[in-house]
PDB file of N, CA and C in Angstrom:
ATOM      1  N   UNK A   1     -16.828  59.486-116.673  1.00  0.00           N
ATOM      2  CA  UNK A   1     -18.268  59.425-116.565  1.00  0.00           C
ATOM      3  C   UNK A   1     -18.660  58.090-115.934  1.00  0.00           C
ATOM      4  N   UNK A   2     -19.474  58.101-114.894  1.00  0.00           N
ATOM      5  CA  UNK A   2     -19.932  56.844-114.299  1.00  0.00           C
ATOM      6  C   UNK A   2     -20.883  56.114-115.250  1.00  0.00           C
ATOM      7  N   UNK A   3     -20.821  54.790-115.208  1.00  0.00           N
ATOM      8  CA  UNK A   3     -21.708  53.966-116.027  1.00  0.00           C
ATOM      9  C   UNK A   3     -22.566  53.104-115.117  1.00  0.00           C
ATOM     10  N   UNK A   4     -23.857  53.050-115.418  1.00  0.00           N
ATOM     11  CA  UNK A   4     -24.794  52.190-114.696  1.00  0.00           C
ATOM     12  C   UNK A   4     -25.109  51.010-115.607  1.00  0.00           C
ATOM     13  N   UNK A   5     -24.860  49.796-115.114  1.00  0.00           N
ATOM     14  CA  UNK A   5     -25.159  48.564-115.841  1.00  0.00           C
ATOM     15  C   UNK A   5     -26.493  48.063-115.313  1.00  0.00           C
ATOM     16  N   UNK A   6     -27.516  48.062-116.163  1.00  0.00           N
ATOM     17  CA  UNK A   6     -28.844  47.646-115.728  1.00  0.00           C
ATOM     18  C   UNK A   6     -29.027  46.148-115.970  1.00  0.00           C
ATOM     19  N   UNK A   7     -29.117  45.403-114.892  1.00  0.00           N
ATOM     20  CA  UNK A   7     -29.345  43.966-114.927  1.00  0.00           C
ATOM     21  C   UNK A   7     -30.717  43.715-114.311  1.00  0.00           C
ATOM     22  N   UNK A   8     -31.557  42.952-115.009  1.00  0.00           N
ATOM     23  CA  UNK A   8     -32.940  42.833-114.552  1.00  0.00           C
ATOM     24  C   UNK A   8     -33.611  41.604-115.137  1.00  0.00           C
ATOM     25  N   UNK A   9     -34.732  41.241-114.542  1.00  0.00           N
ATOM     26  CA  UNK A   9     -35.589  40.182-115.053  1.00  0.00           C
ATOM     27  C   UNK A   9     -36.593  40.818-116.013  1.00  0.00           C
ATOM     28  N   UNK A  10     -36.946  40.119-117.064  1.00  0.00           N
ATOM     29  CA  UNK A  10     -37.918  40.660-118.034  1.00  0.00           C
ATOM     30  C   UNK A  10     -39.254  40.997-117.362  1.00  0.00           C
ATOM     31  N   UNK A  11     -39.581  40.320-116.276  1.00  0.00           N
ATOM     32  CA  UNK A  11     -40.835  40.639-115.583  1.00  0.00           C
ATOM     33  C   UNK A  11     -40.783  42.029-114.957  1.00  0.00           C
ATOM     34  N   UNK A  12     -39.571  42.555-114.761  1.00  0.00           N
ATOM     35  CA  UNK A  12     -39.398  43.891-114.184  1.00  0.00           C
ATOM     36  C   UNK A  12     -39.221  44.972-115.248  1.00  0.00           C
ATOM     37  N   UNK A  13     -39.482  44.651-116.504  1.00  0.00           N
ATOM     38  CA  UNK A  13     -39.229  45.589-117.593  1.00  0.00           C
ATOM     39  C   UNK A  13     -39.895  46.954-117.400  1.00  0.00           C
ATOM     40  N   UNK A  14     -41.168  47.034-116.991  1.00  0.00           N
ATOM     41  CA  UNK A  14     -41.755  48.371-116.790  1.00  0.00           C
ATOM     42  C   UNK A  14     -40.984  49.206-115.762  1.00  0.00           C
ATOM     43  N   UNK A  15     -40.545  48.578-114.693  1.00  0.00           N
ATOM     44  CA  UNK A  15     -39.782  49.281-113.664  1.00  0.00           C
ATOM     45  C   UNK A  15     -38.426  49.735-114.204  1.00  0.00           C
ATOM     46  N   UNK A  16     -37.751  48.867-114.942  1.00  0.00           N
ATOM     47  CA  UNK A  16     -36.426  49.212-115.461  1.00  0.00           C
ATOM     48  C   UNK A  16     -36.532  50.334-116.487  1.00  0.00           C
ATOM     49  N   UNK A  17     -37.612  50.361-117.248  1.00  0.00           N
ATOM     50  CA  UNK A  17     -37.800  51.447-118.217  1.00  0.00           C
ATOM     51  C   UNK A  17     -37.983  52.785-117.506  1.00  0.00           C
ATOM     52  N   UNK A  18     -38.695  52.785-116.390  1.00  0.00           N
ATOM     53  CA  UNK A  18     -38.848  54.017-115.596  1.00  0.00           C
ATOM     54  C   UNK A  18     -37.508  54.457-115.027  1.00  0.00           C
ATOM     55  N   UNK A  19     -36.766  53.519-114.469  1.00  0.00           N
ATOM     56  CA  UNK A  19     -35.457  53.831-113.902  1.00  0.00           C
ATOM     57  C   UNK A  19     -34.521  54.375-114.972  1.00  0.00           C
ATOM     58  N   UNK A  20     -34.512  53.734-116.126  1.00  0.00           N
ATOM     59  CA  UNK A  20     -33.648  54.183-117.216  1.00  0.00           C
ATOM     60  C   UNK A  20     -34.011  55.605-117.652  1.00  0.00           C
ATOM     61  N   UNK A  21     -35.285  55.904-117.743  1.00  0.00           N
ATOM     62  CA  UNK A  21     -35.713  57.253-118.127  1.00  0.00           C
ATOM     63  C   UNK A  21     -35.227  58.284-117.114  1.00  0.00           C
ATOM     64  N   UNK A  22     -35.314  57.955-115.840  1.00  0.00           N
ATOM     65  CA  UNK A  22     -34.835  58.884-114.809  1.00  0.00           C
ATOM     66  C   UNK A  22     -33.324  59.063-114.888  1.00  0.00           C
ATOM     67  N   UNK A  23     -32.599  57.985-115.105  1.00  0.00           N
ATOM     68  CA  UNK A  23     -31.143  58.076-115.205  1.00  0.00           C
ATOM     69  C   UNK A  23     -30.717  58.877-116.434  1.00  0.00           C
ATOM     70  N   UNK A  24     -31.453  58.739-117.532  1.00  0.00           N
ATOM     71  CA  UNK A  24     -31.112  59.467-118.756  1.00  0.00           C
ATOM     72  C   UNK A  24     -31.253  60.973-118.588  1.00  0.00           C
ATOM     73  N   UNK A  25     -32.004  61.406-117.597  1.00  0.00           N
ATOM     74  CA  UNK A  25     -32.151  62.847-117.371  1.00  0.00           C
ATOM     75  C   UNK A  25     -30.874  63.453-116.790  1.00  0.00           C
ATOM     76  N   UNK A  26     -29.941  62.612-116.383  1.00  0.00           N
ATOM     77  CA  UNK A  26     -28.648  63.065-115.858  1.00  0.00           C
ATOM     78  C   UNK A  26     -27.585  62.799-116.923  1.00  0.00           C
ATOM     79  N   UNK A  27     -27.185  63.830-117.617  1.00  0.00           N
ATOM     80  CA  UNK A  27     -26.267  63.653-118.744  1.00  0.00           C
ATOM     81  C   UNK A  27     -24.888  63.145-118.329  1.00  0.00           C
ATOM     82  N   UNK A  28     -24.577  63.205-117.045  1.00  0.00           N
ATOM     83  CA  UNK A  28     -23.261  62.748-116.598  1.00  0.00           C
ATOM     84  C   UNK A  28     -23.228  61.249-116.291  1.00  0.00           C
ATOM     85  N   UNK A  29     -24.328  60.544-116.537  1.00  0.00           N
ATOM     86  CA  UNK A  29     -24.397  59.105-116.277  1.00  0.00           C
ATOM     87  C   UNK A  29     -24.582  58.356-117.598  1.00  0.00           C
ATOM     88  N   UNK A  30     -23.683  57.411-117.867  1.00  0.00           N
ATOM     89  CA  UNK A  30     -23.835  56.537-119.034  1.00  0.00           C
ATOM     90  C   UNK A  30     -24.622  55.303-118.593  1.00  0.00           C
ATOM     91  N   UNK A  31     -25.468  54.792-119.459  1.00  0.00           N
ATOM     92  CA  UNK A  31     -26.314  53.646-119.122  1.00  0.00           C
ATOM     93  C   UNK A  31     -26.025  52.506-120.090  1.00  0.00           C
ATOM     94  N   UNK A  32     -25.852  51.304-119.536  1.00  0.00           N
ATOM     95  CA  UNK A  32     -25.676  50.107-120.361  1.00  0.00           C
ATOM     96  C   UNK A  32     -26.850  49.195-120.085  1.00  0.00           C
ATOM     97  N   UNK A  33     -27.626  48.910-121.131  1.00  0.00           N
ATOM     98  CA  UNK A  33     -28.771  48.004-121.018  1.00  0.00           C
ATOM     99  C   UNK A  33     -28.766  47.072-122.220  1.00  0.00           C
ATOM    100  N   UNK A  34     -29.009  45.813-121.983  1.00  0.00           N
ATOM    101  CA  UNK A  34     -28.906  44.807-123.039  1.00  0.00           C
ATOM    102  C   UNK A  34     -29.704  45.136-124.294  1.00  0.00           C
ATOM    103  N   UNK A  35     -30.935  45.596-124.151  1.00  0.00           N
ATOM    104  CA  UNK A  35     -31.776  45.826-125.320  1.00  0.00           C
ATOM    105  C   UNK A  35     -31.262  46.961-126.203  1.00  0.00           C
ATOM    106  N   UNK A  36     -30.399  47.782-125.670  1.00  0.00           N
ATOM    107  CA  UNK A  36     -29.848  48.877-126.463  1.00  0.00           C
ATOM    108  C   UNK A  36     -28.408  48.609-126.897  1.00  0.00           C
ATOM    109  N   UNK A  37     -27.780  47.572-126.365  1.00  0.00           N
ATOM    110  CA  UNK A  37     -26.357  47.344-126.626  1.00  0.00           C
ATOM    111  C   UNK A  37     -26.026  45.990-127.248  1.00  0.00           C
ATOM    112  N   UNK A  38     -26.982  45.069-127.300  1.00  0.00           N
ATOM    113  CA  UNK A  38     -26.723  43.761-127.901  1.00  0.00           C
ATOM    114  C   UNK A  38     -27.584  43.656-129.160  1.00  0.00           C
ATOM    115  N   UNK A  39     -26.926  43.344-130.266  1.00  0.00           N
ATOM    116  CA  UNK A  39     -27.610  43.322-131.554  1.00  0.00           C
ATOM    117  C   UNK A  39     -27.532  41.943-132.199  1.00  0.00           C
ATOM    118  N   UNK A  40     -28.587  41.600-132.914  1.00  0.00           N
ATOM    119  CA  UNK A  40     -28.677  40.424-133.758  1.00  0.00           C
ATOM    120  C   UNK A  40     -27.790  39.243-133.444  1.00  0.00           C
ATOM    121  N   UNK A  41     -26.714  39.119-134.183  1.00  0.00           N
ATOM    122  CA  UNK A  41     -25.893  37.918-134.139  1.00  0.00           C
ATOM    123  C   UNK A  41     -24.751  37.969-133.133  1.00  0.00           C
ATOM    124  N   UNK A  42     -24.708  38.986-132.308  1.00  0.00           N
ATOM    125  CA  UNK A  42     -23.646  39.056-131.307  1.00  0.00           C
ATOM    126  C   UNK A  42     -23.812  37.933-130.287  1.00  0.00           C
ATOM    127  N   UNK A  43     -22.726  37.473-129.765  1.00  0.00           N
ATOM    128  CA  UNK A  43     -22.762  36.448-128.718  1.00  0.00           C
ATOM    129  C   UNK A  43     -22.951  37.159-127.379  1.00  0.00           C
ATOM    130  N   UNK A  44     -24.192  37.102-126.870  1.00  0.00           N
ATOM    131  CA  UNK A  44     -24.533  37.926-125.708  1.00  0.00           C
ATOM    132  C   UNK A  44     -23.716  37.623-124.461  1.00  0.00           C
ATOM    133  N   UNK A  45     -23.313  36.368-124.155  1.00  0.00           N
ATOM    134  CA  UNK A  45     -22.482  36.186-122.951  1.00  0.00           C
ATOM    135  C   UNK A  45     -21.160  36.957-123.050  1.00  0.00           C
ATOM    136  N   UNK A  46     -20.559  36.964-124.234  1.00  0.00           N
ATOM    137  CA  UNK A  46     -19.301  37.689-124.440  1.00  0.00           C
ATOM    138  C   UNK A  46     -19.522  39.195-124.297  1.00  0.00           C
ATOM    139  N   UNK A  47     -20.590  39.707-124.907  1.00  0.00           N
ATOM    140  CA  UNK A  47     -20.881  41.143-124.852  1.00  0.00           C
ATOM    141  C   UNK A  47     -21.154  41.576-123.413  1.00  0.00           C
ATOM    142  N   UNK A  48     -21.923  40.781-122.673  1.00  0.00           N
ATOM    143  CA  UNK A  48     -22.209  41.110-121.274  1.00  0.00           C
ATOM    144  C   UNK A  48     -20.933  41.100-120.437  1.00  0.00           C
ATOM    145  N   UNK A  49     -20.098  40.102-120.633  1.00  0.00           N
ATOM    146  CA  UNK A  49     -18.837  40.023-119.896  1.00  0.00           C
ATOM    147  C   UNK A  49     -17.954  41.233-120.147  1.00  0.00           C
ATOM    148  N   UNK A  50     -17.880  41.658-121.397  1.00  0.00           N
ATOM    149  CA  UNK A  50     -17.081  42.838-121.740  1.00  0.00           C
ATOM    150  C   UNK A  50     -17.666  44.097-121.106  1.00  0.00           C
ATOM    151  N   UNK A  51     -18.993  44.215-121.116  1.00  0.00           N
ATOM    152  CA  UNK A  51     -19.638  45.395-120.530  1.00  0.00           C
ATOM    153  C   UNK A  51     -19.391  45.471-119.028  1.00  0.00           C
ATOM    154  N   UNK A  52     -19.471  44.343-118.360  1.00  0.00           N
ATOM    155  CA  UNK A  52     -19.233  44.321-116.915  1.00  0.00           C
ATOM    156  C   UNK A  52     -17.771  44.643-116.614  1.00  0.00           C
ATOM    157  N   UNK A  53     -16.864  44.124-117.422  1.00  0.00           N
ATOM    158  CA  UNK A  53     -15.434  44.372-117.214  1.00  0.00           C
ATOM    159  C   UNK A  53     -15.074  45.840-117.406  1.00  0.00           C
ATOM    160  N   UNK A  54     -15.772  46.504-118.327  1.00  0.00           N
ATOM    161  CA  UNK A  54     -15.496  47.923-118.575  1.00  0.00           C
ATOM    162  C   UNK A  54     -15.965  48.745-117.404  1.00  0.00           C
TER     163      UNK A  54
END
């Protein structure tokens, strides 16, 4: 399954939310977005690096 890594500026949040909604309509595409994949006390640079490597 292809994965789309969404990297964006917070000022573009409305646009990224629209894009994510459109991508979610395709069940064959996995989506990685920070607000849905990074939680509380996780070290975000490490989590982002792992996501990009995958």
